[in-house]
Structure formats: structure tokens, C-alpha cells
Full PDB file with SEQRES, HELIX, SHEET, SSBOND, CRYST1, ORIGX, SCALE, CONECT and MASTER records, all heavy atoms in Angstrom:
SEQRES   1 A   33  THR ALA VAL ILE PHE TYR TYR GLY ILE PHE PRO ASP THR          
SEQRES   2 A   33  GLU LYS THR LEU GLY ASP HIS GLY ILE THR LEU HIS HIS          
SEQRES   3 A   33  LEU CYS THR TRP TRP ASP VAL                                  
HELIX    1 AA1 THR A   13  ASP A   19  1                                   7    
SHEET    1 AA1 2 ALA A   2  TYR A   6  0                                        
SHEET    2 AA1 2 HIS A  25  THR A  29  1                                        
CRYST1    1.000    1.000    1.000  90.00  90.00  90.00 P 1           1          
ORIGX1      1.000000  0.000000  0.000000        0.00000                         
ORIGX2      0.000000  1.000000  0.000000        0.00000                         
ORIGX3      0.000000  0.000000  1.000000        0.00000                         
SCALE1      1.000000  0.000000  0.000000        0.00000                         
SCALE2      0.000000  1.000000  0.000000        0.00000                         
SCALE3      0.000000  0.000000  1.000000        0.00000                         
ATOM      1  N   THR A   1       2.777 -13.605  12.574  1.00  0.00           N  
ATOM      2  CA  THR A   1       3.270 -12.230  12.513  1.00  0.00           C  
ATOM      3  C   THR A   1       2.144 -11.341  12.029  1.00  0.00           C  
ATOM      4  O   THR A   1       1.351 -11.733  11.162  1.00  0.00           O  
ATOM      5  CB  THR A   1       4.503 -12.099  11.594  1.00  0.00           C  
ATOM      6  OG1 THR A   1       5.002 -10.749  11.644  1.00  0.00           O  
ATOM      7  CG2 THR A   1       4.202 -12.444  10.155  1.00  0.00           C  
ATOM      8  N   ALA A   2       2.034 -10.145  12.607  1.00  0.00           N  
ATOM      9  CA  ALA A   2       0.969  -9.205  12.263  1.00  0.00           C  
ATOM     10  C   ALA A   2       1.587  -7.882  11.818  1.00  0.00           C  
ATOM     11  O   ALA A   2       2.499  -7.365  12.469  1.00  0.00           O  
ATOM     12  CB  ALA A   2       0.057  -8.974  13.466  1.00  0.00           C  
ATOM     13  N   VAL A   3       1.080  -7.352  10.710  1.00  0.00           N  
ATOM     14  CA  VAL A   3       1.584  -6.095  10.160  1.00  0.00           C  
ATOM     15  C   VAL A   3       0.413  -5.204   9.778  1.00  0.00           C  
ATOM     16  O   VAL A   3      -0.694  -5.682   9.512  1.00  0.00           O  
ATOM     17  CB  VAL A   3       2.478  -6.320   8.929  1.00  0.00           C  
ATOM     18  CG1 VAL A   3       3.694  -7.157   9.283  1.00  0.00           C  
ATOM     19  CG2 VAL A   3       1.703  -6.962   7.776  1.00  0.00           C  
ATOM     20  N   ILE A   4       0.664  -3.920   9.757  1.00  0.00           N  
ATOM     21  CA  ILE A   4      -0.346  -2.978   9.297  1.00  0.00           C  
ATOM     22  C   ILE A   4      -0.505  -3.081   7.788  1.00  0.00           C  
ATOM     23  O   ILE A   4      -1.615  -3.160   7.262  1.00  0.00           O  
ATOM     24  CB  ILE A   4       0.045  -1.545   9.696  1.00  0.00           C  
ATOM     25  CG1 ILE A   4       0.104  -1.409  11.215  1.00  0.00           C  
ATOM     26  CG2 ILE A   4      -0.924  -0.519   9.098  1.00  0.00           C  
ATOM     27  CD1 ILE A   4       0.888  -0.212  11.692  1.00  0.00           C  
ATOM     28  N   PHE A   5       0.638  -3.131   7.106  1.00  0.00           N  
ATOM     29  CA  PHE A   5       0.622  -3.068   5.645  1.00  0.00           C  
ATOM     30  C   PHE A   5       1.385  -4.229   5.030  1.00  0.00           C  
ATOM     31  O   PHE A   5       2.511  -4.526   5.434  1.00  0.00           O  
ATOM     32  CB  PHE A   5       1.245  -1.747   5.182  1.00  0.00           C  
ATOM     33  CG  PHE A   5       1.071  -1.485   3.711  1.00  0.00           C  
ATOM     34  CD1 PHE A   5      -0.116  -0.948   3.230  1.00  0.00           C  
ATOM     35  CD2 PHE A   5       2.068  -1.779   2.815  1.00  0.00           C  
ATOM     36  CE1 PHE A   5      -0.292  -0.730   1.879  1.00  0.00           C  
ATOM     37  CE2 PHE A   5       1.913  -1.571   1.454  1.00  0.00           C  
ATOM     38  CZ  PHE A   5       0.723  -1.026   0.988  1.00  0.00           C  
ATOM     39  N   TYR A   6       0.752  -4.873   4.070  1.00  0.00           N  
ATOM     40  CA  TYR A   6       1.355  -5.989   3.332  1.00  0.00           C  
ATOM     41  C   TYR A   6       1.337  -5.626   1.850  1.00  0.00           C  
ATOM     42  O   TYR A   6       0.281  -5.285   1.313  1.00  0.00           O  
ATOM     43  CB  TYR A   6       0.538  -7.259   3.611  1.00  0.00           C  
ATOM     44  CG  TYR A   6       0.809  -8.435   2.710  1.00  0.00           C  
ATOM     45  CD1 TYR A   6       2.098  -8.773   2.309  1.00  0.00           C  
ATOM     46  CD2 TYR A   6      -0.240  -9.245   2.276  1.00  0.00           C  
ATOM     47  CE1 TYR A   6       2.336  -9.860   1.496  1.00  0.00           C  
ATOM     48  CE2 TYR A   6      -0.014 -10.342   1.467  1.00  0.00           C  
ATOM     49  CZ  TYR A   6       1.273 -10.643   1.078  1.00  0.00           C  
ATOM     50  OH  TYR A   6       1.501 -11.738   0.265  1.00  0.00           O  
ATOM     51  N   TYR A   7       2.497  -5.683   1.198  1.00  0.00           N  
ATOM     52  CA  TYR A   7       2.566  -5.278  -0.209  1.00  0.00           C  
ATOM     53  C   TYR A   7       1.533  -6.017  -1.060  1.00  0.00           C  
ATOM     54  O   TYR A   7       0.848  -5.438  -1.887  1.00  0.00           O  
ATOM     55  CB  TYR A   7       3.956  -5.523  -0.754  1.00  0.00           C  
ATOM     56  CG  TYR A   7       4.870  -4.315  -0.663  1.00  0.00           C  
ATOM     57  CD1 TYR A   7       5.028  -3.625   0.533  1.00  0.00           C  
ATOM     58  CD2 TYR A   7       5.577  -3.872  -1.760  1.00  0.00           C  
ATOM     59  CE1 TYR A   7       5.860  -2.532   0.630  1.00  0.00           C  
ATOM     60  CE2 TYR A   7       6.430  -2.775  -1.694  1.00  0.00           C  
ATOM     61  CZ  TYR A   7       6.556  -2.099  -0.489  1.00  0.00           C  
ATOM     62  OH  TYR A   7       7.383  -1.012  -0.408  1.00  0.00           O  
ATOM     63  N   GLY A   8       1.447  -7.341  -0.898  1.00  0.00           N  
ATOM     64  CA  GLY A   8       0.444  -8.114  -1.604  1.00  0.00           C  
ATOM     65  C   GLY A   8       0.663  -8.241  -3.098  1.00  0.00           C  
ATOM     66  O   GLY A   8      -0.281  -8.523  -3.848  1.00  0.00           O  
ATOM     67  N   ILE A   9       1.902  -8.037  -3.555  1.00  0.00           N  
ATOM     68  CA  ILE A   9       2.166  -8.109  -4.999  1.00  0.00           C  
ATOM     69  C   ILE A   9       3.242  -9.134  -5.362  1.00  0.00           C  
ATOM     70  O   ILE A   9       3.491  -9.368  -6.539  1.00  0.00           O  
ATOM     71  CB  ILE A   9       2.571  -6.725  -5.570  1.00  0.00           C  
ATOM     72  CG1 ILE A   9       3.843  -6.207  -4.877  1.00  0.00           C  
ATOM     73  CG2 ILE A   9       1.430  -5.732  -5.404  1.00  0.00           C  
ATOM     74  CD1 ILE A   9       4.389  -4.916  -5.497  1.00  0.00           C  
ATOM     75  N   PHE A  10       3.870  -9.724  -4.357  1.00  0.00           N  
ATOM     76  CA  PHE A  10       4.900 -10.728  -4.607  1.00  0.00           C  
ATOM     77  C   PHE A  10       4.308 -12.097  -4.268  1.00  0.00           C  
ATOM     78  O   PHE A  10       4.023 -12.387  -3.100  1.00  0.00           O  
ATOM     79  CB  PHE A  10       6.146 -10.448  -3.775  1.00  0.00           C  
ATOM     80  CG  PHE A  10       6.755  -9.095  -4.069  1.00  0.00           C  
ATOM     81  CD1 PHE A  10       6.761  -8.089  -3.105  1.00  0.00           C  
ATOM     82  CD2 PHE A  10       7.301  -8.812  -5.307  1.00  0.00           C  
ATOM     83  CE1 PHE A  10       7.305  -6.844  -3.377  1.00  0.00           C  
ATOM     84  CE2 PHE A  10       7.850  -7.566  -5.595  1.00  0.00           C  
ATOM     85  CZ  PHE A  10       7.854  -6.583  -4.625  1.00  0.00           C  
ATOM     86  N   PRO A  11       4.103 -12.950  -5.282  1.00  0.00           N  
ATOM     87  CA  PRO A  11       3.324 -14.174  -5.092  1.00  0.00           C  
ATOM     88  C   PRO A  11       3.908 -15.180  -4.115  1.00  0.00           C  
ATOM     89  O   PRO A  11       3.185 -16.002  -3.575  1.00  0.00           O  
ATOM     90  CB  PRO A  11       3.251 -14.769  -6.509  1.00  0.00           C  
ATOM     91  CG  PRO A  11       4.387 -14.138  -7.271  1.00  0.00           C  
ATOM     92  CD  PRO A  11       4.553 -12.784  -6.690  1.00  0.00           C  
ATOM     93  N   ASP A  12       5.208 -15.123  -3.859  1.00  0.00           N  
ATOM     94  CA  ASP A  12       5.828 -16.143  -3.009  1.00  0.00           C  
ATOM     95  C   ASP A  12       5.878 -15.749  -1.529  1.00  0.00           C  
ATOM     96  O   ASP A  12       6.360 -16.530  -0.708  1.00  0.00           O  
ATOM     97  CB  ASP A  12       7.256 -16.442  -3.495  1.00  0.00           C  
ATOM     98  CG  ASP A  12       7.264 -17.128  -4.849  1.00  0.00           C  
ATOM     99  OD1 ASP A  12       6.262 -17.788  -5.176  1.00  0.00           O  
ATOM    100  OD2 ASP A  12       8.262 -16.977  -5.585  1.00  0.00           O  
ATOM    101  N   THR A  13       5.402 -14.560  -1.180  1.00  0.00           N  
ATOM    102  CA  THR A  13       5.558 -14.075   0.192  1.00  0.00           C  
ATOM    103  C   THR A  13       4.944 -15.015   1.218  1.00  0.00           C  
ATOM    104  O   THR A  13       5.610 -15.449   2.173  1.00  0.00           O  
ATOM    105  CB  THR A  13       4.932 -12.673   0.350  1.00  0.00           C  
ATOM    106  OG1 THR A  13       5.551 -11.782  -0.567  1.00  0.00           O  
ATOM    107  CG2 THR A  13       5.122 -12.163   1.776  1.00  0.00           C  
ATOM    108  N   GLU A  14       3.670 -15.325   1.050  1.00  0.00           N  
ATOM    109  CA  GLU A  14       2.990 -16.147   2.048  1.00  0.00           C  
ATOM    110  C   GLU A  14       3.523 -17.574   2.058  1.00  0.00           C  
ATOM    111  O   GLU A  14       3.535 -18.225   3.102  1.00  0.00           O  
ATOM    112  CB  GLU A  14       1.480 -16.093   1.829  1.00  0.00           C  
ATOM    113  CG  GLU A  14       0.927 -14.701   2.169  1.00  0.00           C  
ATOM    114  CD  GLU A  14      -0.570 -14.582   2.033  1.00  0.00           C  
ATOM    115  OE1 GLU A  14      -1.283 -15.326   2.737  1.00  0.00           O  
ATOM    116  OE2 GLU A  14      -1.030 -13.752   1.224  1.00  0.00           O  
ATOM    117  N   LYS A  15       4.000 -18.049   0.894  1.00  0.00           N  
ATOM    118  CA  LYS A  15       4.632 -19.372   0.858  1.00  0.00           C  
ATOM    119  C   LYS A  15       5.958 -19.361   1.613  1.00  0.00           C  
ATOM    120  O   LYS A  15       6.271 -20.284   2.372  1.00  0.00           O  
ATOM    121  CB  LYS A  15       4.862 -19.832  -0.582  1.00  0.00           C  
ATOM    122  CG  LYS A  15       5.455 -21.252  -0.675  1.00  0.00           C  
ATOM    123  CD  LYS A  15       5.664 -21.673  -2.109  1.00  0.00           C  
ATOM    124  CE  LYS A  15       6.115 -23.122  -2.176  1.00  0.00           C  
ATOM    125  NZ  LYS A  15       7.324 -23.427  -1.399  1.00  0.00           N  
ATOM    126  N   THR A  16       6.741 -18.291   1.422  1.00  0.00           N  
ATOM    127  CA  THR A  16       8.014 -18.157   2.139  1.00  0.00           C  
ATOM    128  C   THR A  16       7.781 -18.209   3.642  1.00  0.00           C  
ATOM    129  O   THR A  16       8.481 -18.918   4.374  1.00  0.00           O  
ATOM    130  CB  THR A  16       8.706 -16.823   1.769  1.00  0.00           C  
ATOM    131  OG1 THR A  16       9.023 -16.851   0.386  1.00  0.00           O  
ATOM    132  CG2 THR A  16       9.981 -16.623   2.573  1.00  0.00           C  
ATOM    133  N   LEU A  17       6.785 -17.451   4.107  1.00  0.00           N  
ATOM    134  CA  LEU A  17       6.473 -17.451   5.529  1.00  0.00           C  
ATOM    135  C   LEU A  17       5.879 -18.790   5.956  1.00  0.00           C  
ATOM    136  O   LEU A  17       6.246 -19.335   7.002  1.00  0.00           O  
ATOM    137  CB  LEU A  17       5.487 -16.318   5.840  1.00  0.00           C  
ATOM    138  CG  LEU A  17       6.047 -14.889   5.687  1.00  0.00           C  
ATOM    139  CD1 LEU A  17       4.921 -13.876   5.749  1.00  0.00           C  
ATOM    140  CD2 LEU A  17       7.096 -14.598   6.734  1.00  0.00           C  
ATOM    141  N   GLY A  18       4.982 -19.328   5.154  1.00  0.00           N  
ATOM    142  CA  GLY A  18       4.346 -20.598   5.489  1.00  0.00           C  
ATOM    143  C   GLY A  18       5.332 -21.746   5.597  1.00  0.00           C  
ATOM    144  O   GLY A  18       5.227 -22.591   6.483  1.00  0.00           O  
ATOM    145  N   ASP A  19       6.318 -21.764   4.703  1.00  0.00           N  
ATOM    146  CA  ASP A  19       7.345 -22.808   4.746  1.00  0.00           C  
ATOM    147  C   ASP A  19       8.163 -22.723   6.028  1.00  0.00           C  
ATOM    148  O   ASP A  19       8.789 -23.703   6.439  1.00  0.00           O  
ATOM    149  CB  ASP A  19       8.274 -22.702   3.524  1.00  0.00           C  
ATOM    150  CG  ASP A  19       7.602 -23.142   2.233  1.00  0.00           C  
ATOM    151  OD1 ASP A  19       6.510 -23.752   2.305  1.00  0.00           O  
ATOM    152  OD2 ASP A  19       8.158 -22.858   1.164  1.00  0.00           O  
ATOM    153  N   HIS A  20       8.177 -21.545   6.633  1.00  0.00           N  
ATOM    154  CA  HIS A  20       8.902 -21.332   7.889  1.00  0.00           C  
ATOM    155  C   HIS A  20       7.967 -21.476   9.098  1.00  0.00           C  
ATOM    156  O   HIS A  20       8.359 -21.168  10.225  1.00  0.00           O  
ATOM    157  CB  HIS A  20       9.534 -19.934   7.873  1.00  0.00           C  
ATOM    158  CG  HIS A  20      10.831 -19.838   8.617  1.00  0.00           C  
ATOM    159  ND1 HIS A  20      11.988 -20.473   8.227  1.00  0.00           N  
ATOM    160  CD2 HIS A  20      11.153 -19.175   9.760  1.00  0.00           C  
ATOM    161  CE1 HIS A  20      12.960 -20.205   9.076  1.00  0.00           C  
ATOM    162  NE2 HIS A  20      12.484 -19.425  10.030  1.00  0.00           N  
ATOM    163  N   GLY A  21       6.744 -21.897   8.828  1.00  0.00           N  
ATOM    164  CA  GLY A  21       5.784 -22.103   9.915  1.00  0.00           C  
ATOM    165  C   GLY A  21       5.157 -20.842  10.449  1.00  0.00           C  
ATOM    166  O   GLY A  21       4.786 -20.770  11.627  1.00  0.00           O  
ATOM    167  N   ILE A  22       5.023 -19.821   9.591  1.00  0.00           N  
ATOM    168  CA  ILE A  22       4.517 -18.523  10.033  1.00  0.00           C  
ATOM    169  C   ILE A  22       3.258 -18.149   9.245  1.00  0.00           C  
ATOM    170  O   ILE A  22       3.245 -18.211   8.009  1.00  0.00           O  
ATOM    171  CB  ILE A  22       5.561 -17.412   9.834  1.00  0.00           C  
ATOM    172  CG1 ILE A  22       6.906 -17.818  10.439  1.00  0.00           C  
ATOM    173  CG2 ILE A  22       5.086 -16.098  10.430  1.00  0.00           C  
ATOM    174  CD1 ILE A  22       8.057 -16.985   9.934  1.00  0.00           C  
ATOM    175  N   THR A  23       2.215 -17.715   9.955  1.00  0.00           N  
ATOM    176  CA  THR A  23       1.003 -17.189   9.341  1.00  0.00           C  
ATOM    177  C   THR A  23       1.033 -15.671   9.409  1.00  0.00           C  
ATOM    178  O   THR A  23       1.344 -15.090  10.455  1.00  0.00           O  
ATOM    179  CB  THR A  23      -0.247 -17.709  10.062  1.00  0.00           C  
ATOM    180  OG1 THR A  23      -0.279 -19.139   9.974  1.00  0.00           O  
ATOM    181  CG2 THR A  23      -1.515 -17.147   9.442  1.00  0.00           C  
ATOM    182  N   LEU A  24       0.725 -15.027   8.277  1.00  0.00           N  
ATOM    183  CA  LEU A  24       0.742 -13.566   8.192  1.00  0.00           C  
ATOM    184  C   LEU A  24      -0.664 -12.999   8.385  1.00  0.00           C  
ATOM    185  O   LEU A  24      -1.621 -13.462   7.772  1.00  0.00           O  
ATOM    186  CB  LEU A  24       1.269 -13.137   6.817  1.00  0.00           C  
ATOM    187  CG  LEU A  24       1.210 -11.639   6.486  1.00  0.00           C  
ATOM    188  CD1 LEU A  24       2.155 -10.848   7.385  1.00  0.00           C  
ATOM    189  CD2 LEU A  24       1.554 -11.407   5.008  1.00  0.00           C  
ATOM    190  N   HIS A  25      -0.778 -11.963   9.234  1.00  0.00           N  
ATOM    191  CA  HIS A  25      -2.022 -11.218   9.428  1.00  0.00           C  
ATOM    192  C   HIS A  25      -1.744  -9.762   9.052  1.00  0.00           C  
ATOM    193  O   HIS A  25      -0.723  -9.205   9.460  1.00  0.00           O  
ATOM    194  CB  HIS A  25      -2.490 -11.296  10.879  1.00  0.00           C  
ATOM    195  CG  HIS A  25      -2.544 -12.703  11.408  1.00  0.00           C  
ATOM    196  ND1 HIS A  25      -3.596 -13.549  11.168  1.00  0.00           N  
ATOM    197  CD2 HIS A  25      -1.637 -13.405  12.138  1.00  0.00           C  
ATOM    198  CE1 HIS A  25      -3.354 -14.724  11.748  1.00  0.00           C  
ATOM    199  NE2 HIS A  25      -2.176 -14.659  12.342  1.00  0.00           N  
ATOM    200  N   HIS A  26      -2.636  -9.149   8.304  1.00  0.00           N  
ATOM    201  CA  HIS A  26      -2.391  -7.770   7.862  1.00  0.00           C  
ATOM    202  C   HIS A  26      -3.716  -7.021   7.764  1.00  0.00           C  
ATOM    203  O   HIS A  26      -4.790  -7.620   7.756  1.00  0.00           O  
ATOM    204  CB  HIS A  26      -1.683  -7.749   6.515  1.00  0.00           C  
ATOM    205  CG  HIS A  26      -2.508  -8.311   5.383  1.00  0.00           C  
ATOM    206  ND1 HIS A  26      -2.587  -9.664   5.137  1.00  0.00           N  
ATOM    207  CD2 HIS A  26      -3.304  -7.705   4.476  1.00  0.00           C  
ATOM    208  CE1 HIS A  26      -3.392  -9.866   4.104  1.00  0.00           C  
ATOM    209  NE2 HIS A  26      -3.843  -8.705   3.686  1.00  0.00           N  
ATOM    210  N   LEU A  27      -3.604  -5.680   7.666  1.00  0.00           N  
ATOM    211  CA  LEU A  27      -4.799  -4.846   7.572  1.00  0.00           C  
ATOM    212  C   LEU A  27      -5.131  -4.464   6.136  1.00  0.00           C  
ATOM    213  O   LEU A  27      -6.291  -4.488   5.747  1.00  0.00           O  
ATOM    214  CB  LEU A  27      -4.638  -3.570   8.415  1.00  0.00           C  
ATOM    215  CG  LEU A  27      -4.440  -3.785   9.919  1.00  0.00           C  
ATOM    216  CD1 LEU A  27      -4.418  -2.440  10.638  1.00  0.00           C  
ATOM    217  CD2 LEU A  27      -5.507  -4.695  10.500  1.00  0.00           C  
ATOM    218  N   CYS A  28      -4.133  -4.088   5.345  1.00  0.00           N  
ATOM    219  CA  CYS A  28      -4.420  -3.719   3.959  1.00  0.00           C  
ATOM    220  C   CYS A  28      -3.199  -3.937   3.089  1.00  0.00           C  
ATOM    221  O   CYS A  28      -2.086  -4.180   3.583  1.00  0.00           O  
ATOM    222  CB  CYS A  28      -4.926  -2.275   3.852  1.00  0.00           C  
ATOM    223  SG  CYS A  28      -3.646  -0.999   3.951  1.00  0.00           S  
ATOM    224  N   THR A  29      -3.420  -3.860   1.772  1.00  0.00           N  
ATOM    225  CA  THR A  29      -2.367  -4.072   0.783  1.00  0.00           C  
ATOM    226  C   THR A  29      -2.324  -2.882  -0.181  1.00  0.00           C  
ATOM    227  O   THR A  29      -3.165  -1.975  -0.115  1.00  0.00           O  
ATOM    228  CB  THR A  29      -2.623  -5.353  -0.035  1.00  0.00           C  
ATOM    229  OG1 THR A  29      -3.764  -5.126  -0.894  1.00  0.00           O  
ATOM    230  CG2 THR A  29      -2.880  -6.558   0.875  1.00  0.00           C  
ATOM    231  N   TRP A  30      -1.386  -2.943  -1.131  1.00  0.00           N  
ATOM    232  CA  TRP A  30      -1.335  -1.905  -2.164  1.00  0.00           C  
ATOM    233  C   TRP A  30      -2.620  -1.867  -2.977  1.00  0.00           C  
ATOM    234  O   TRP A  30      -3.045  -0.803  -3.443  1.00  0.00           O  
ATOM    235  CB  TRP A  30      -0.145  -2.130  -3.102  1.00  0.00           C  
ATOM    236  CG  TRP A  30       1.145  -1.561  -2.617  1.00  0.00           C  
ATOM    237  CD1 TRP A  30       2.347  -2.210  -2.484  1.00  0.00           C  
ATOM    238  CD2 TRP A  30       1.402  -0.199  -2.224  1.00  0.00           C  
ATOM    239  NE1 TRP A  30       3.319  -1.352  -2.012  1.00  0.00           N  
ATOM    240  CE2 TRP A  30       2.766  -0.108  -1.849  1.00  0.00           C  
ATOM    241  CE3 TRP A  30       0.608   0.941  -2.130  1.00  0.00           C  
ATOM    242  CZ2 TRP A  30       3.346   1.078  -1.399  1.00  0.00           C  
ATOM    243  CZ3 TRP A  30       1.184   2.130  -1.685  1.00  0.00           C  
ATOM    244  CH2 TRP A  30       2.544   2.189  -1.333  1.00  0.00           C  
ATOM    245  N   TRP A  31      -3.258  -3.034  -3.155  1.00  0.00           N  
ATOM    246  CA  TRP A  31      -4.500  -3.055  -3.932  1.00  0.00           C  
ATOM    247  C   TRP A  31      -5.599  -2.262  -3.231  1.00  0.00           C  
ATOM    248  O   TRP A  31      -6.387  -1.570  -3.884  1.00  0.00           O  
ATOM    249  CB  TRP A  31      -4.935  -4.501  -4.175  1.00  0.00           C  
ATOM    250  CG  TRP A  31      -3.938  -5.257  -4.998  1.00  0.00           C  
ATOM    251  CD1 TRP A  31      -3.085  -6.247  -4.576  1.00  0.00           C  
ATOM    252  CD2 TRP A  31      -3.631  -5.039  -6.385  1.00  0.00           C  
ATOM    253  NE1 TRP A  31      -2.272  -6.660  -5.605  1.00  0.00           N  
ATOM    254  CE2 TRP A  31      -2.586  -5.944  -6.734  1.00  0.00           C  
ATOM    255  CE3 TRP A  31      -4.143  -4.185  -7.357  1.00  0.00           C  
ATOM    256  CZ2 TRP A  31      -2.057  -6.013  -8.010  1.00  0.00           C  
ATOM    257  CZ3 TRP A  31      -3.606  -4.232  -8.643  1.00  0.00           C  
ATOM    258  CH2 TRP A  31      -2.579  -5.148  -8.953  1.00  0.00           C  
ATOM    259  N   ASP A  32      -5.659  -2.357  -1.916  1.00  0.00           N  
ATOM    260  CA  ASP A  32      -6.638  -1.582  -1.164  1.00  0.00           C  
ATOM    261  C   ASP A  32      -6.343  -0.091  -1.252  1.00  0.00           C  
ATOM    262  O   ASP A  32      -7.252   0.731  -1.394  1.00  0.00           O  
ATOM    263  CB  ASP A  32      -6.634  -2.024   0.309  1.00  0.00           C  
ATOM    264  CG  ASP A  32      -6.968  -3.496   0.479  1.00  0.00           C  
ATOM    265  OD1 ASP A  32      -7.987  -3.943  -0.068  1.00  0.00           O  
ATOM    266  OD2 ASP A  32      -6.177  -4.196   1.151  1.00  0.00           O  
ATOM    267  N   VAL A  33      -5.071   0.256  -1.165  1.00  0.00           N  
ATOM    268  CA  VAL A  33      -4.671   1.667  -1.257  1.00  0.00           C  
ATOM    269  C   VAL A  33      -4.979   2.216  -2.647  1.00  0.00           C  
ATOM    270  O   VAL A  33      -5.489   3.340  -2.790  1.00  0.00           O  
ATOM    271  CB  VAL A  33      -3.176   1.826  -0.930  1.00  0.00           C  
ATOM    272  CG1 VAL A  33      -2.686   3.227  -1.283  1.00  0.00           C  
ATOM    273  CG2 VAL A  33      -2.925   1.537   0.545  1.00  0.00           C  
TER     274      VAL A  33                                                      
MASTER        0    0    0    1    2    0    0    6  273    1    0    3          
END                                                                             
């Protein structure tokens, strides 16, 4: 899945997606903003 913006502040997000067999692609996060 690809998104423009990823919050990047909830530690379990990528694990939640990964456990479902999904890799996340994003452009920036709140830290970048």
C-alpha cells in the first residue's frame, strides 16, 4: 500500500500491516512536517 502521508507516531502500525502481509510505502511523516 502506498500513501502520501504516514503519521509515523504509532509504533505498531507497520507491524499491524506486516502481520497482514502488507508493506507500507509513504512520502513523509509528522516528523518531517
